[in-house]
Amino acid sequence: MPKLVRLYIKSCAIGFALAVGFVTALVVMDVAGFQRLILSTDMGWVAALMMIMFNGVVFSGMQFAIAIMLMAEDDDDDRGPRGGRMIPIRVEAVARSRQVTPRRR
Protein backbone atom coordinates (compact mmCIF):
# COMPACT_ATOMS: atom_id res chain seq x y z
CA MET A 1 0.00 0.00 0.00
CA PRO A 2 1.43 3.45 -0.87
CA LYS A 3 2.57 5.61 2.01
CA LEU A 4 0.14 8.40 1.16
CA VAL A 5 -2.86 6.05 1.23
CA ARG A 6 -1.68 4.62 4.54
CA LEU A 7 -1.33 8.16 5.92
CA TYR A 8 -4.84 9.04 4.70
CA ILE A 9 -6.42 5.97 6.31
CA LYS A 10 -4.58 6.67 9.56
CA SER A 11 -5.72 10.30 9.49
CA CYS A 12 -9.32 9.22 8.89
CA ALA A 13 -9.19 6.79 11.80
CA ILE A 14 -7.78 9.46 14.12
CA GLY A 15 -10.33 12.01 12.90
CA PHE A 16 -13.30 9.73 13.44
CA ALA A 17 -12.00 8.68 16.86
CA LEU A 18 -11.80 12.36 17.79
CA ALA A 19 -15.33 12.85 16.45
CA VAL A 20 -16.69 10.01 18.59
CA GLY A 21 -15.01 11.53 21.65
CA PHE A 22 -16.30 15.00 20.79
CA VAL A 23 -19.90 13.88 20.30
CA THR A 24 -19.71 11.76 23.46
CA ALA A 25 -18.53 14.82 25.40
CA LEU A 26 -21.37 16.89 23.93
CA VAL A 27 -23.94 14.29 24.97
CA VAL A 28 -22.49 13.72 28.45
CA MET A 29 -22.30 17.45 29.20
CA ASP A 30 -25.77 18.00 27.67
CA VAL A 31 -24.61 20.89 25.51
CA ALA A 32 -27.64 22.59 23.90
CA GLY A 33 -29.88 19.76 25.13
CA PHE A 34 -28.27 17.07 22.95
CA GLN A 35 -28.52 14.48 25.71
CA ARG A 36 -32.29 14.88 25.96
CA LEU A 37 -32.63 14.95 22.18
CA ILE A 38 -30.59 11.80 21.58
CA LEU A 39 -31.66 9.71 24.56
CA SER A 40 -35.35 10.60 24.77
CA THR A 41 -36.43 10.06 21.17
CA ASP A 42 -36.57 6.80 19.25
CA MET A 43 -34.60 8.31 16.31
CA GLY A 44 -31.96 9.91 18.52
CA TRP A 45 -29.35 7.49 17.27
CA VAL A 46 -29.71 9.06 13.81
CA ALA A 47 -28.82 12.48 15.23
CA ALA A 48 -25.83 11.01 17.05
CA LEU A 49 -24.69 9.15 13.93
CA MET A 50 -25.03 12.28 11.79
CA MET A 51 -23.04 14.33 14.28
CA ILE A 52 -20.32 11.68 14.38
CA MET A 53 -20.19 11.46 10.58
CA PHE A 54 -20.10 15.21 9.93
CA ASN A 55 -17.60 15.92 12.69
CA GLY A 56 -15.58 12.90 11.55
CA VAL A 57 -15.29 14.31 8.04
CA VAL A 58 -14.14 17.68 9.40
CA PHE A 59 -11.71 16.24 11.95
CA SER A 60 -10.30 13.73 9.42
CA GLY A 61 -9.68 16.45 6.87
CA MET A 62 -8.04 18.62 9.49
CA GLN A 63 -5.87 15.74 10.70
CA PHE A 64 -4.79 14.87 7.15
CA ALA A 65 -4.00 18.51 6.32
CA ILE A 66 -1.89 18.88 9.45
CA ALA A 67 -0.04 15.63 8.69
CA ILE A 68 0.70 16.73 5.12
CA MET A 69 1.87 20.19 6.18
CA LEU A 70 4.18 18.74 8.81
CA MET A 71 5.86 16.62 6.12
CA ALA A 72 7.24 19.70 4.34
CA GLU A 73 10.97 20.13 4.26
CA ASP A 74 12.47 23.29 5.65
CA ASP A 75 14.01 24.92 2.61
CA ASP A 76 13.65 28.43 3.89
CA ASP A 77 16.86 30.31 3.18
CA ASP A 78 16.47 33.87 4.38
CA ARG A 79 20.07 34.83 3.81
CA GLY A 80 19.53 36.10 0.28
CA PRO A 81 22.15 36.56 -2.42
CA ARG A 82 24.52 38.71 -0.32
CA GLY A 83 24.59 36.43 2.69
CA GLY A 84 22.05 38.47 4.64
CA ARG A 85 24.06 41.70 4.61
CA MET A 86 22.14 44.89 4.00
CA ILE A 87 23.67 47.48 1.72
CA PRO A 88 22.49 51.08 1.40
CA ILE A 89 20.92 52.15 -1.86
CA ARG A 90 20.70 55.79 -2.86
CA VAL A 91 17.16 56.78 -3.80
CA GLU A 92 16.31 60.24 -5.10
CA ALA A 93 13.29 61.74 -3.37
CA VAL A 94 11.58 64.65 -5.08
CA ALA A 95 9.05 66.71 -3.17
CA ARG A 96 6.67 68.83 -5.16
CA SER A 97 5.36 71.99 -3.58
CA ARG A 98 2.86 74.49 -4.79
CA GLN A 99 3.59 78.17 -4.86
CA VAL A 100 1.97 79.94 -1.94
CA THR A 101 0.52 83.35 -2.66
CA PRO A 102 0.31 85.86 0.20
CA ARG A 103 -3.13 86.61 1.61
CA ARG A 104 -4.71 89.96 1.20
CA ARG A 105 -5.81 91.86 4.24
PDB file of N, CA and C in Angstrom:
ATOM      1  N   MET A   1       0.843  -1.173   0.000  1.00  0.00           N
ATOM      2  CA  MET A   1       0.000   0.000   0.000  1.00  0.00           C
ATOM      3  C   MET A   1       0.896   1.247   0.000  1.00  0.00           C
ATOM      4  N   PRO A   2       0.611   2.233  -0.849  1.00  0.00           N
ATOM      5  CA  PRO A   2       1.432   3.448  -0.874  1.00  0.00           C
ATOM      6  C   PRO A   2       1.388   4.195   0.457  1.00  0.00           C
ATOM      7  N   LYS A   3       2.467   4.902   0.727  1.00  0.00           N
ATOM      8  CA  LYS A   3       2.573   5.606   2.007  1.00  0.00           C
ATOM      9  C   LYS A   3       1.499   6.670   2.165  1.00  0.00           C
ATOM     10  N   LEU A   4       1.138   7.344   1.075  1.00  0.00           N
ATOM     11  CA  LEU A   4       0.138   8.400   1.161  1.00  0.00           C
ATOM     12  C   LEU A   4      -1.241   7.840   1.498  1.00  0.00           C
ATOM     13  N   VAL A   5      -1.581   6.686   0.925  1.00  0.00           N
ATOM     14  CA  VAL A   5      -2.864   6.049   1.230  1.00  0.00           C
ATOM     15  C   VAL A   5      -2.886   5.596   2.683  1.00  0.00           C
ATOM     16  N   ARG A   6      -1.777   5.043   3.146  1.00  0.00           N
ATOM     17  CA  ARG A   6      -1.680   4.623   4.542  1.00  0.00           C
ATOM     18  C   ARG A   6      -1.841   5.824   5.479  1.00  0.00           C
ATOM     19  N   LEU A   7      -1.214   6.939   5.120  1.00  0.00           N
ATOM     20  CA  LEU A   7      -1.334   8.160   5.918  1.00  0.00           C
ATOM     21  C   LEU A   7      -2.773   8.661   5.931  1.00  0.00           C
ATOM     22  N   TYR A   8      -3.456   8.588   4.782  1.00  0.00           N
ATOM     23  CA  TYR A   8      -4.843   9.041   4.699  1.00  0.00           C
ATOM     24  C   TYR A   8      -5.763   8.174   5.561  1.00  0.00           C
ATOM     25  N   ILE A   9      -5.585   6.873   5.506  1.00  0.00           N
ATOM     26  CA  ILE A   9      -6.417   5.968   6.313  1.00  0.00           C
ATOM     27  C   ILE A   9      -6.166   6.201   7.795  1.00  0.00           C
ATOM     28  N   LYS A  10      -4.911   6.394   8.157  1.00  0.00           N
ATOM     29  CA  LYS A  10      -4.576   6.667   9.557  1.00  0.00           C
ATOM     30  C   LYS A  10      -5.194   7.990  10.012  1.00  0.00           C
ATOM     31  N   SER A  11      -5.141   9.001   9.154  1.00  0.00           N
ATOM     32  CA  SER A  11      -5.724  10.296   9.494  1.00  0.00           C
ATOM     33  C   SER A  11      -7.237  10.198   9.637  1.00  0.00           C
ATOM     34  N   CYS A  12      -7.870   9.414   8.778  1.00  0.00           N
ATOM     35  CA  CYS A  12      -9.320   9.220   8.887  1.00  0.00           C
ATOM     36  C   CYS A  12      -9.682   8.511  10.184  1.00  0.00           C
ATOM     37  N   ALA A  13      -8.910   7.509  10.553  1.00  0.00           N
ATOM     38  CA  ALA A  13      -9.185   6.790  11.801  1.00  0.00           C
ATOM     39  C   ALA A  13      -9.031   7.712  13.003  1.00  0.00           C
ATOM     40  N   ILE A  14      -7.983   8.518  13.009  1.00  0.00           N
ATOM     41  CA  ILE A  14      -7.776   9.458  14.117  1.00  0.00           C
ATOM     42  C   ILE A  14      -8.896  10.490  14.144  1.00  0.00           C
ATOM     43  N   GLY A  15      -9.274  11.008  12.971  1.00  0.00           N
ATOM     44  CA  GLY A  15     -10.329  12.014  12.899  1.00  0.00           C
ATOM     45  C   GLY A  15     -11.665  11.493  13.384  1.00  0.00           C
ATOM     46  N   PHE A  16     -12.027  10.276  12.992  1.00  0.00           N
ATOM     47  CA  PHE A  16     -13.304   9.728  13.436  1.00  0.00           C
ATOM     48  C   PHE A  16     -13.270   9.350  14.912  1.00  0.00           C
ATOM     49  N   ALA A  17     -12.115   8.939  15.416  1.00  0.00           N
ATOM     50  CA  ALA A  17     -12.003   8.679  16.859  1.00  0.00           C
ATOM     51  C   ALA A  17     -12.188   9.975  17.640  1.00  0.00           C
ATOM     52  N   LEU A  18     -11.598  11.057  17.149  1.00  0.00           N
ATOM     53  CA  LEU A  18     -11.804  12.358  17.795  1.00  0.00           C
ATOM     54  C   LEU A  18     -13.266  12.783  17.719  1.00  0.00           C
ATOM     55  N   ALA A  19     -13.925  12.497  16.599  1.00  0.00           N
ATOM     56  CA  ALA A  19     -15.333  12.853  16.447  1.00  0.00           C
ATOM     57  C   ALA A  19     -16.208  12.087  17.431  1.00  0.00           C
ATOM     58  N   VAL A  20     -15.918  10.802  17.616  1.00  0.00           N
ATOM     59  CA  VAL A  20     -16.687  10.014  18.591  1.00  0.00           C
ATOM     60  C   VAL A  20     -16.495  10.582  19.994  1.00  0.00           C
ATOM     61  N   GLY A  21     -15.260  10.921  20.339  1.00  0.00           N
ATOM     62  CA  GLY A  21     -15.008  11.528  21.649  1.00  0.00           C
ATOM     63  C   GLY A  21     -15.685  12.876  21.803  1.00  0.00           C
ATOM     64  N   PHE A  22     -15.677  13.678  20.750  1.00  0.00           N
ATOM     65  CA  PHE A  22     -16.296  15.002  20.793  1.00  0.00           C
ATOM     66  C   PHE A  22     -17.805  14.895  20.973  1.00  0.00           C
ATOM     67  N   VAL A  23     -18.448  14.038  20.195  1.00  0.00           N
ATOM     68  CA  VAL A  23     -19.900  13.879  20.302  1.00  0.00           C
ATOM     69  C   VAL A  23     -20.267  13.266  21.646  1.00  0.00           C
ATOM     70  N   THR A  24     -19.461  12.335  22.135  1.00  0.00           N
ATOM     71  CA  THR A  24     -19.710  11.762  23.464  1.00  0.00           C
ATOM     72  C   THR A  24     -19.637  12.839  24.533  1.00  0.00           C
ATOM     73  N   ALA A  25     -18.648  13.721  24.434  1.00  0.00           N
ATOM     74  CA  ALA A  25     -18.531  14.816  25.402  1.00  0.00           C
ATOM     75  C   ALA A  25     -19.726  15.758  25.305  1.00  0.00           C
ATOM     76  N   LEU A  26     -20.194  16.035  24.089  1.00  0.00           N
ATOM     77  CA  LEU A  26     -21.369  16.892  23.934  1.00  0.00           C
ATOM     78  C   LEU A  26     -22.602  16.271  24.579  1.00  0.00           C
ATOM     79  N   VAL A  27     -22.769  14.967  24.414  1.00  0.00           N
ATOM     80  CA  VAL A  27     -23.939  14.292  24.974  1.00  0.00           C
ATOM     81  C   VAL A  27     -23.829  14.202  26.491  1.00  0.00           C
ATOM     82  N   VAL A  28     -22.659  13.863  27.002  1.00  0.00           N
ATOM     83  CA  VAL A  28     -22.487  13.721  28.455  1.00  0.00           C
ATOM     84  C   VAL A  28     -22.685  15.057  29.155  1.00  0.00           C
ATOM     85  N   MET A  29     -22.168  16.137  28.574  1.00  0.00           N
ATOM     86  CA  MET A  29     -22.301  17.455  29.203  1.00  0.00           C
ATOM     87  C   MET A  29     -23.621  18.135  28.859  1.00  0.00           C
ATOM     88  N   ASP A  30     -24.451  17.493  28.054  1.00  0.00           N
ATOM     89  CA  ASP A  30     -25.771  17.998  27.669  1.00  0.00           C
ATOM     90  C   ASP A  30     -25.687  19.407  27.087  1.00  0.00           C
ATOM     91  N   VAL A  31     -24.763  19.594  26.169  1.00  0.00           N
ATOM     92  CA  VAL A  31     -24.615  20.886  25.508  1.00  0.00           C
ATOM     93  C   VAL A  31     -25.802  21.086  24.570  1.00  0.00           C
ATOM     94  N   ALA A  32     -26.481  22.213  24.722  1.00  0.00           N
ATOM     95  CA  ALA A  32     -27.640  22.590  23.897  1.00  0.00           C
ATOM     96  C   ALA A  32     -28.739  21.527  23.921  1.00  0.00           C
ATOM     97  N   GLY A  33     -28.821  20.747  24.985  1.00  0.00           N
ATOM     98  CA  GLY A  33     -29.877  19.760  25.128  1.00  0.00           C
ATOM     99  C   GLY A  33     -29.710  18.526  24.258  1.00  0.00           C
ATOM    100  N   PHE A  34     -28.492  18.240  23.803  1.00  0.00           N
ATOM    101  CA  PHE A  34     -28.267  17.073  22.948  1.00  0.00           C
ATOM    102  C   PHE A  34     -28.561  15.766  23.676  1.00  0.00           C
ATOM    103  N   GLN A  35     -28.287  15.724  24.964  1.00  0.00           N
ATOM    104  CA  GLN A  35     -28.523  14.481  25.707  1.00  0.00           C
ATOM    105  C   GLN A  35     -30.012  14.140  25.708  1.00  0.00           C
ATOM    106  N   ARG A  36     -30.840  15.127  25.985  1.00  0.00           N
ATOM    107  CA  ARG A  36     -32.286  14.878  25.962  1.00  0.00           C
ATOM    108  C   ARG A  36     -32.753  14.518  24.558  1.00  0.00           C
ATOM    109  N   LEU A  37     -32.222  15.204  23.561  1.00  0.00           N
ATOM    110  CA  LEU A  37     -32.627  14.946  22.181  1.00  0.00           C
ATOM    111  C   LEU A  37     -32.271  13.524  21.753  1.00  0.00           C
ATOM    112  N   ILE A  38     -31.061  13.105  22.060  1.00  0.00           N
ATOM    113  CA  ILE A  38     -30.594  11.804  21.583  1.00  0.00           C
ATOM    114  C   ILE A  38     -31.170  10.654  22.402  1.00  0.00           C
ATOM    115  N   LEU A  39     -31.240  10.825  23.712  1.00  0.00           N
ATOM    116  CA  LEU A  39     -31.659   9.707  24.562  1.00  0.00           C
ATOM    117  C   LEU A  39     -33.170   9.600  24.744  1.00  0.00           C
ATOM    118  N   SER A  40     -33.916  10.666  24.492  1.00  0.00           N
ATOM    119  CA  SER A  40     -35.352  10.602  24.770  1.00  0.00           C
ATOM    120  C   SER A  40     -36.195  10.271  23.539  1.00  0.00           C
ATOM    121  N   THR A  41     -35.652  10.370  22.358  1.00  0.00           N
ATOM    122  CA  THR A  41     -36.435  10.057  21.165  1.00  0.00           C
ATOM    123  C   THR A  41     -35.995   8.718  20.585  1.00  0.00           C
ATOM    124  N   ASP A  42     -36.904   8.106  19.821  1.00  0.00           N
ATOM    125  CA  ASP A  42     -36.570   6.803  19.248  1.00  0.00           C
ATOM    126  C   ASP A  42     -35.627   6.922  18.046  1.00  0.00           C
ATOM    127  N   MET A  43     -35.529   8.098  17.425  1.00  0.00           N
ATOM    128  CA  MET A  43     -34.604   8.311  16.310  1.00  0.00           C
ATOM    129  C   MET A  43     -33.387   9.126  16.739  1.00  0.00           C
ATOM    130  N   GLY A  44     -33.099   9.160  18.022  1.00  0.00           N
ATOM    131  CA  GLY A  44     -31.956   9.913  18.519  1.00  0.00           C
ATOM    132  C   GLY A  44     -30.631   9.371  18.025  1.00  0.00           C
ATOM    133  N   TRP A  45     -30.595   8.074  17.762  1.00  0.00           N
ATOM    134  CA  TRP A  45     -29.345   7.492  17.271  1.00  0.00           C
ATOM    135  C   TRP A  45     -28.977   8.038  15.895  1.00  0.00           C
ATOM    136  N   VAL A  46     -29.989   8.464  15.117  1.00  0.00           N
ATOM    137  CA  VAL A  46     -29.708   9.057  13.806  1.00  0.00           C
ATOM    138  C   VAL A  46     -28.999  10.397  13.985  1.00  0.00           C
ATOM    139  N   ALA A  47     -29.466  11.188  14.953  1.00  0.00           N
ATOM    140  CA  ALA A  47     -28.822  12.475  15.228  1.00  0.00           C
ATOM    141  C   ALA A  47     -27.383  12.263  15.689  1.00  0.00           C
ATOM    142  N   ALA A  48     -27.191  11.285  16.564  1.00  0.00           N
ATOM    143  CA  ALA A  48     -25.834  11.006  17.048  1.00  0.00           C
ATOM    144  C   ALA A  48     -24.943  10.526  15.906  1.00  0.00           C
ATOM    145  N   LEU A  49     -25.464   9.651  15.061  1.00  0.00           N
ATOM    146  CA  LEU A  49     -24.688   9.145  13.932  1.00  0.00           C
ATOM    147  C   LEU A  49     -24.339  10.263  12.946  1.00  0.00           C
ATOM    148  N   MET A  50     -25.296  11.157  12.696  1.00  0.00           N
ATOM    149  CA  MET A  50     -25.027  12.277  11.789  1.00  0.00           C
ATOM    150  C   MET A  50     -23.968  13.205  12.366  1.00  0.00           C
ATOM    151  N   MET A  51     -24.046  13.467  13.665  1.00  0.00           N
ATOM    152  CA  MET A  51     -23.040  14.333  14.280  1.00  0.00           C
ATOM    153  C   MET A  51     -21.660  13.684  14.223  1.00  0.00           C
ATOM    154  N   ILE A  52     -21.606  12.378  14.457  1.00  0.00           N
ATOM    155  CA  ILE A  52     -20.320  11.678  14.383  1.00  0.00           C
ATOM    156  C   ILE A  52     -19.785  11.706  12.952  1.00  0.00           C
ATOM    157  N   MET A  53     -20.642  11.475  11.967  1.00  0.00           N
ATOM    158  CA  MET A  53     -20.188  11.462  10.576  1.00  0.00           C
ATOM    159  C   MET A  53     -19.700  12.840  10.130  1.00  0.00           C
ATOM    160  N   PHE A  54     -20.485  13.877  10.393  1.00  0.00           N
ATOM    161  CA  PHE A  54     -20.104  15.214   9.932  1.00  0.00           C
ATOM    162  C   PHE A  54     -18.861  15.721  10.653  1.00  0.00           C
ATOM    163  N   ASN A  55     -18.803  15.515  11.960  1.00  0.00           N
ATOM    164  CA  ASN A  55     -17.600  15.919  12.687  1.00  0.00           C
ATOM    165  C   ASN A  55     -16.409  15.047  12.294  1.00  0.00           C
ATOM    166  N   GLY A  56     -16.660  13.781  11.988  1.00  0.00           N
ATOM    167  CA  GLY A  56     -15.582  12.899  11.548  1.00  0.00           C
ATOM    168  C   GLY A  56     -14.972  13.352  10.238  1.00  0.00           C
ATOM    169  N   VAL A  57     -15.805  13.810   9.320  1.00  0.00           N
ATOM    170  CA  VAL A  57     -15.288  14.315   8.045  1.00  0.00           C
ATOM    171  C   VAL A  57     -14.421  15.548   8.277  1.00  0.00           C
ATOM    172  N   VAL A  58     -14.895  16.454   9.120  1.00  0.00           N
ATOM    173  CA  VAL A  58     -14.137  17.682   9.396  1.00  0.00           C
ATOM    174  C   VAL A  58     -12.831  17.362  10.118  1.00  0.00           C
ATOM    175  N   PHE A  59     -12.910  16.554  11.173  1.00  0.00           N
ATOM    176  CA  PHE A  59     -11.709  16.239  11.949  1.00  0.00           C
ATOM    177  C   PHE A  59     -10.710  15.414  11.130  1.00  0.00           C
ATOM    178  N   SER A  60     -11.203  14.518  10.265  1.00  0.00           N
ATOM    179  CA  SER A  60     -10.298  13.732   9.422  1.00  0.00           C
ATOM    180  C   SER A  60      -9.573  14.616   8.424  1.00  0.00           C
ATOM    181  N   GLY A  61     -10.308  15.522   7.808  1.00  0.00           N
ATOM    182  CA  GLY A  61      -9.678  16.446   6.869  1.00  0.00           C
ATOM    183  C   GLY A  61      -8.650  17.324   7.544  1.00  0.00           C
ATOM    184  N   MET A  62      -8.982  17.783   8.743  1.00  0.00           N
ATOM    185  CA  MET A  62      -8.044  18.616   9.495  1.00  0.00           C
ATOM    186  C   MET A  62      -6.799  17.808   9.872  1.00  0.00           C
ATOM    187  N   GLN A  63      -6.990  16.589  10.309  1.00  0.00           N
ATOM    188  CA  GLN A  63      -5.872  15.737  10.696  1.00  0.00           C
ATOM    189  C   GLN A  63      -4.974  15.440   9.500  1.00  0.00           C
ATOM    190  N   PHE A  64      -5.570  15.162   8.353  1.00  0.00           N
ATOM    191  CA  PHE A  64      -4.791  14.868   7.149  1.00  0.00           C
ATOM    192  C   PHE A  64      -4.029  16.108   6.684  1.00  0.00           C
ATOM    193  N   ALA A  65      -4.674  17.270   6.735  1.00  0.00           N
ATOM    194  CA  ALA A  65      -4.004  18.510   6.324  1.00  0.00           C
ATOM    195  C   ALA A  65      -2.817  18.818   7.228  1.00  0.00           C
ATOM    196  N   ILE A  66      -2.994  18.634   8.519  1.00  0.00           N
ATOM    197  CA  ILE A  66      -1.889  18.880   9.453  1.00  0.00           C
ATOM    198  C   ILE A  66      -0.746  17.903   9.188  1.00  0.00           C
ATOM    199  N   ALA A  67      -1.083  16.636   8.951  1.00  0.00           N
ATOM    200  CA  ALA A  67      -0.042  15.632   8.690  1.00  0.00           C
ATOM    201  C   ALA A  67       0.727  15.952   7.412  1.00  0.00           C
ATOM    202  N   ILE A  68       0.029  16.389   6.377  1.00  0.00           N
ATOM    203  CA  ILE A  68       0.697  16.732   5.116  1.00  0.00           C
ATOM    204  C   ILE A  68       1.581  17.959   5.300  1.00  0.00           C
ATOM    205  N   MET A  69       1.084  18.966   6.003  1.00  0.00           N
ATOM    206  CA  MET A  69       1.870  20.188   6.185  1.00  0.00           C
ATOM    207  C   MET A  69       3.100  19.958   7.048  1.00  0.00           C
ATOM    208  N   LEU A  70       3.024  19.030   7.979  1.00  0.00           N
ATOM    209  CA  LEU A  70       4.183  18.740   8.813  1.00  0.00           C
ATOM    210  C   LEU A  70       5.248  17.943   8.064  1.00  0.00           C
ATOM    211  N   MET A  71       4.896  17.376   6.909  1.00  0.00           N
ATOM    212  CA  MET A  71       5.864  16.620   6.123  1.00  0.00           C
ATOM    213  C   MET A  71       6.785  17.523   5.306  1.00  0.00           C
ATOM    214  N   ALA A  72       6.462  18.791   5.191  1.00  0.00           N
ATOM    215  CA  ALA A  72       7.235  19.700   4.340  1.00  0.00           C
ATOM    216  C   ALA A  72       8.661  19.837   4.853  1.00  0.00           C
ATOM    217  N   GLU A  73       9.573  19.935   3.899  1.00  0.00           N
ATOM    218  CA  GLU A  73      10.975  20.126   4.257  1.00  0.00           C
ATOM    219  C   GLU A  73      11.227  21.605   4.475  1.00  0.00           C
ATOM    220  N   ASP A  74      12.137  21.905   5.359  1.00  0.00           N
ATOM    221  CA  ASP A  74      12.469  23.291   5.651  1.00  0.00           C
ATOM    222  C   ASP A  74      13.525  23.755   4.658  1.00  0.00           C
ATOM    223  N   ASP A  75      13.078  24.414   3.603  1.00  0.00           N
ATOM    224  CA  ASP A  75      14.014  24.920   2.608  1.00  0.00           C
ATOM    225  C   ASP A  75      14.075  26.440   2.641  1.00  0.00           C
ATOM    226  N   ASP A  76      13.690  26.990   3.742  1.00  0.00           N
ATOM    227  CA  ASP A  76      13.648  28.433   3.892  1.00  0.00           C
ATOM    228  C   ASP A  76      15.060  28.974   4.085  1.00  0.00           C
ATOM    229  N   ASP A  77      15.531  29.716   3.110  1.00  0.00           N
ATOM    230  CA  ASP A  77      16.859  30.306   3.178  1.00  0.00           C
ATOM    231  C   ASP A  77      16.700  31.817   3.131  1.00  0.00           C
ATOM    232  N   ASP A  78      16.711  32.437   4.291  1.00  0.00           N
ATOM    233  CA  ASP A  78      16.472  33.871   4.384  1.00  0.00           C
ATOM    234  C   ASP A  78      17.724  34.701   4.202  1.00  0.00           C
ATOM    235  N   ARG A  79      18.825  34.076   3.899  1.00  0.00           N
ATOM    236  CA  ARG A  79      20.072  34.832   3.810  1.00  0.00           C
ATOM    237  C   ARG A  79      20.132  35.699   2.567  1.00  0.00           C
ATOM    238  N   GLY A  80      19.522  35.301   1.501  1.00  0.00           N
ATOM    239  CA  GLY A  80      19.535  36.101   0.285  1.00  0.00           C
ATOM    240  C   GLY A  80      20.836  35.966  -0.479  1.00  0.00           C
ATOM    241  N   PRO A  81      20.968  36.714  -1.571  1.00  0.00           N
ATOM    242  CA  PRO A  81      22.153  36.558  -2.420  1.00  0.00           C
ATOM    243  C   PRO A  81      23.427  37.149  -1.825  1.00  0.00           C
ATOM    244  N   ARG A  82      23.330  38.084  -0.894  1.00  0.00           N
ATOM    245  CA  ARG A  82      24.523  38.712  -0.321  1.00  0.00           C
ATOM    246  C   ARG A  82      24.856  38.136   1.049  1.00  0.00           C
ATOM    247  N   GLY A  83      24.294  37.036   1.397  1.00  0.00           N
ATOM    248  CA  GLY A  83      24.592  36.432   2.690  1.00  0.00           C
ATOM    249  C   GLY A  83      23.886  37.116   3.848  1.00  0.00           C
ATOM    250  N   GLY A  84      22.818  37.822   3.581  1.00  0.00           N
ATOM    251  CA  GLY A  84      22.051  38.466   4.638  1.00  0.00           C
ATOM    252  C   GLY A  84      22.522  39.864   4.985  1.00  0.00           C
ATOM    253  N   ARG A  85      23.571  40.351   4.319  1.00  0.00           N
ATOM    254  CA  ARG A  85      24.060  41.702   4.608  1.00  0.00           C
ATOM    255  C   ARG A  85      23.178  42.720   3.899  1.00  0.00           C
ATOM    256  N   MET A  86      22.908  43.813   4.604  1.00  0.00           N
ATOM    257  CA  MET A  86      22.139  44.893   4.003  1.00  0.00           C
ATOM    258  C   MET A  86      23.103  45.942   3.468  1.00  0.00           C
ATOM    259  N   ILE A  87      22.831  46.427   2.281  1.00  0.00           N
ATOM    260  CA  ILE A  87      23.673  47.476   1.716  1.00  0.00           C
ATOM    261  C   ILE A  87      22.788  48.685   1.414  1.00  0.00           C
ATOM    262  N   PRO A  88      23.307  49.886   1.659  1.00  0.00           N
ATOM    263  CA  PRO A  88      22.491  51.081   1.401  1.00  0.00           C
ATOM    264  C   PRO A  88      22.345  51.329  -0.097  1.00  0.00           C
ATOM    265  N   ILE A  89      21.200  51.817  -0.466  1.00  0.00           N
ATOM    266  CA  ILE A  89      20.922  52.150  -1.856  1.00  0.00           C
ATOM    267  C   ILE A  89      20.450  53.594  -1.894  1.00  0.00           C
ATOM    268  N   ARG A  90      21.064  54.388  -2.756  1.00  0.00           N
ATOM    269  CA  ARG A  90      20.696  55.792  -2.864  1.00  0.00           C
ATOM    270  C   ARG A  90      19.414  55.894  -3.701  1.00  0.00           C
ATOM    271  N   VAL A  91      18.425  56.572  -3.120  1.00  0.00           N
ATOM    272  CA  VAL A  91      17.158  56.784  -3.797  1.00  0.00           C
ATOM    273  C   VAL A  91      16.882  58.274  -3.815  1.00  0.00           C
ATOM    274  N   GLU A  92      16.594  58.814  -4.992  1.00  0.00           N
ATOM    275  CA  GLU A  92      16.308  60.236  -5.096  1.00  0.00           C
ATOM    276  C   GLU A  92      14.852  60.475  -4.722  1.00  0.00           C
ATOM    277  N   ALA A  93      14.643  61.393  -3.805  1.00  0.00           N
ATOM    278  CA  ALA A  93      13.293  61.737  -3.371  1.00  0.00           C
ATOM    279  C   ALA A  93      12.994  63.158  -3.813  1.00  0.00           C
ATOM    280  N   VAL A  94      11.961  63.328  -4.580  1.00  0.00           N
ATOM    281  CA  VAL A  94      11.580  64.646  -5.081  1.00  0.00           C
ATOM    282  C   VAL A  94      10.264  65.029  -4.426  1.00  0.00           C
ATOM    283  N   ALA A  95      10.265  66.212  -3.806  1.00  0.00           N
ATOM    284  CA  ALA A  95       9.048  66.709  -3.171  1.00  0.00           C
ATOM    285  C   ALA A  95       8.512  67.866  -3.991  1.00  0.00           C
ATOM    286  N   ARG A  96       7.287  67.762  -4.398  1.00  0.00           N
ATOM    287  CA  ARG A  96       6.672  68.834  -5.160  1.00  0.00           C
ATOM    288  C   ARG A  96       5.931  69.753  -4.196  1.00  0.00           C
ATOM    289  N   SER A  97       6.077  71.028  -4.418  1.00  0.00           N
ATOM    290  CA  SER A  97       5.355  71.986  -3.577  1.00  0.00           C
ATOM    291  C   SER A  97       4.661  72.987  -4.476  1.00  0.00           C
ATOM    292  N   ARG A  98       3.570  73.491  -4.006  1.00  0.00           N
ATOM    293  CA  ARG A  98       2.865  74.493  -4.793  1.00  0.00           C
ATOM    294  C   ARG A  98       3.301  75.873  -4.333  1.00  0.00           C
ATOM    295  N   GLN A  99       3.174  76.814  -5.203  1.00  0.00           N
ATOM    296  CA  GLN A  99       3.591  78.168  -4.863  1.00  0.00           C
ATOM    297  C   GLN A  99       2.507  78.801  -4.010  1.00  0.00           C
ATOM    298  N   VAL A 100       2.915  79.337  -2.874  1.00  0.00           N
ATOM    299  CA  VAL A 100       1.972  79.939  -1.942  1.00  0.00           C
ATOM    300  C   VAL A 100       1.897  81.431  -2.231  1.00  0.00           C
ATOM    301  N   THR A 101       0.701  81.913  -2.446  1.00  0.00           N
ATOM    302  CA  THR A 101       0.517  83.353  -2.655  1.00  0.00           C
ATOM    303  C   THR A 101       0.148  83.999  -1.331  1.00  0.00           C
ATOM    304  N   PRO A 102       0.647  85.197  -1.066  1.00  0.00           N
ATOM    305  CA  PRO A 102       0.312  85.858   0.199  1.00  0.00           C
ATOM    306  C   PRO A 102      -1.159  86.260   0.231  1.00  0.00           C
ATOM    307  N   ARG A 103      -1.725  86.240   1.426  1.00  0.00           N
ATOM    308  CA  ARG A 103      -3.127  86.607   1.610  1.00  0.00           C
ATOM    309  C   ARG A 103      -3.282  88.126   1.606  1.00  0.00           C
ATOM    310  N   ARG A 104      -4.403  88.535   1.137  1.00  0.00           N
ATOM    311  CA  ARG A 104      -4.709  89.959   1.198  1.00  0.00           C
ATOM    312  C   ARG A 104      -5.415  90.265   2.495  1.00  0.00           C
ATOM    313  N   ARG A 105      -5.130  91.443   3.014  1.00  0.00           N
ATOM    314  CA  ARG A 105      -5.810  91.860   4.239  1.00  0.00           C
ATOM    315  C   ARG A 105      -6.774  92.946   3.970  1.00  0.00           C
TER     316      ARG A 105
END
